Protein backbone atom coordinates (compact mmCIF):
# COMPACT_ATOMS: atom_id res chain seq x y z
CA MET A 1 16.17 9.30 -30.71
CA GLU A 2 12.84 10.91 -29.97
CA LEU A 3 10.98 9.42 -32.91
CA GLU A 4 7.47 10.21 -31.65
CA LYS A 5 8.45 13.84 -31.14
CA ILE A 6 9.89 14.04 -34.66
CA ILE A 7 6.78 12.45 -36.16
CA SER A 8 4.53 14.87 -34.31
CA TYR A 9 6.61 17.91 -35.28
CA SER A 10 6.71 16.90 -38.94
CA ASN A 11 2.94 16.44 -39.16
CA GLY A 12 1.60 17.72 -42.47
CA LEU A 13 4.81 17.32 -44.45
CA SER A 14 4.63 15.49 -47.75
CA GLY A 15 6.98 12.71 -48.75
CA ALA A 16 8.97 15.22 -50.79
CA ASP A 17 9.17 17.49 -47.74
CA VAL A 18 10.52 14.64 -45.62
CA GLU A 19 13.06 13.89 -48.32
CA GLU A 20 14.14 17.55 -48.23
CA VAL A 21 14.43 17.42 -44.42
CA ILE A 22 16.77 14.43 -44.68
CA ARG A 23 18.79 16.14 -47.43
CA ILE A 24 19.23 19.24 -45.27
CA ILE A 25 20.36 17.20 -42.27
CA VAL A 26 22.85 15.17 -44.31
CA GLU A 27 24.23 18.32 -45.91
CA GLU A 28 24.67 20.03 -42.54
CA LYS A 29 26.41 16.99 -41.04
CA ALA A 30 28.69 16.76 -44.09
CA MET A 31 29.59 20.44 -43.78
CA GLN A 32 30.42 19.94 -40.10
CA GLU A 33 32.71 17.09 -41.08
CA ILE A 34 34.38 19.15 -43.80
CA GLU A 35 34.86 22.08 -41.42
CA ARG A 36 36.21 19.66 -38.82
CA ILE A 37 33.49 20.58 -36.37
CA GLU A 38 32.60 17.81 -33.95
CA VAL A 39 29.78 15.87 -35.58
CA LYS A 40 27.27 14.73 -32.98
CA ASN A 41 24.65 12.03 -33.28
CA LEU A 42 21.34 13.03 -34.79
CA ASP A 43 18.82 14.34 -32.32
CA PHE A 44 15.46 16.08 -32.31
CA GLU A 45 17.05 19.51 -32.70
CA ASP A 46 18.65 18.48 -36.01
CA PHE A 47 15.25 17.42 -37.32
CA LYS A 48 13.47 20.45 -35.87
CA LYS A 49 15.89 22.87 -37.54
CA ALA A 50 15.55 21.12 -40.91
CA ILE A 51 11.75 20.85 -40.65
CA ASP A 52 11.53 24.55 -39.83
CA LYS A 53 13.59 25.36 -42.93
CA VAL A 54 11.27 23.28 -45.11
CA LYS A 55 8.16 24.87 -43.59
CA ARG A 56 9.56 28.41 -44.10
CA LYS A 57 10.40 27.54 -47.70
CA GLU A 58 6.83 26.33 -48.28
CA LYS A 59 5.37 29.53 -46.83
CA LYS A 60 7.53 31.61 -49.16
CA GLN A 61 6.43 29.55 -52.15
CA ILE A 62 2.77 29.79 -51.20
CA GLY A 63 3.09 33.55 -50.75
CA PHE A 64 4.73 33.81 -54.15
CA ILE A 65 1.97 31.81 -55.82
CA LYS A 66 -0.78 33.90 -54.18
CA LYS A 67 0.71 37.04 -55.75
CA PHE A 68 -0.23 35.70 -59.17
């Protein structure tokens, strides 16, 4: 696995954010298993997709807070 690439891409995430990234990945892999889709080994793209979701979620929350 491309650990250095994952570390670099996740720069700035908190511990809670990293926990959320892992939760997203596990959930997606579980859904693939349930739907009988071929479950592949974890790779950078799995982490990238989950990290992007967490970052988008943070931006939405920050935007919401700024409105107040």
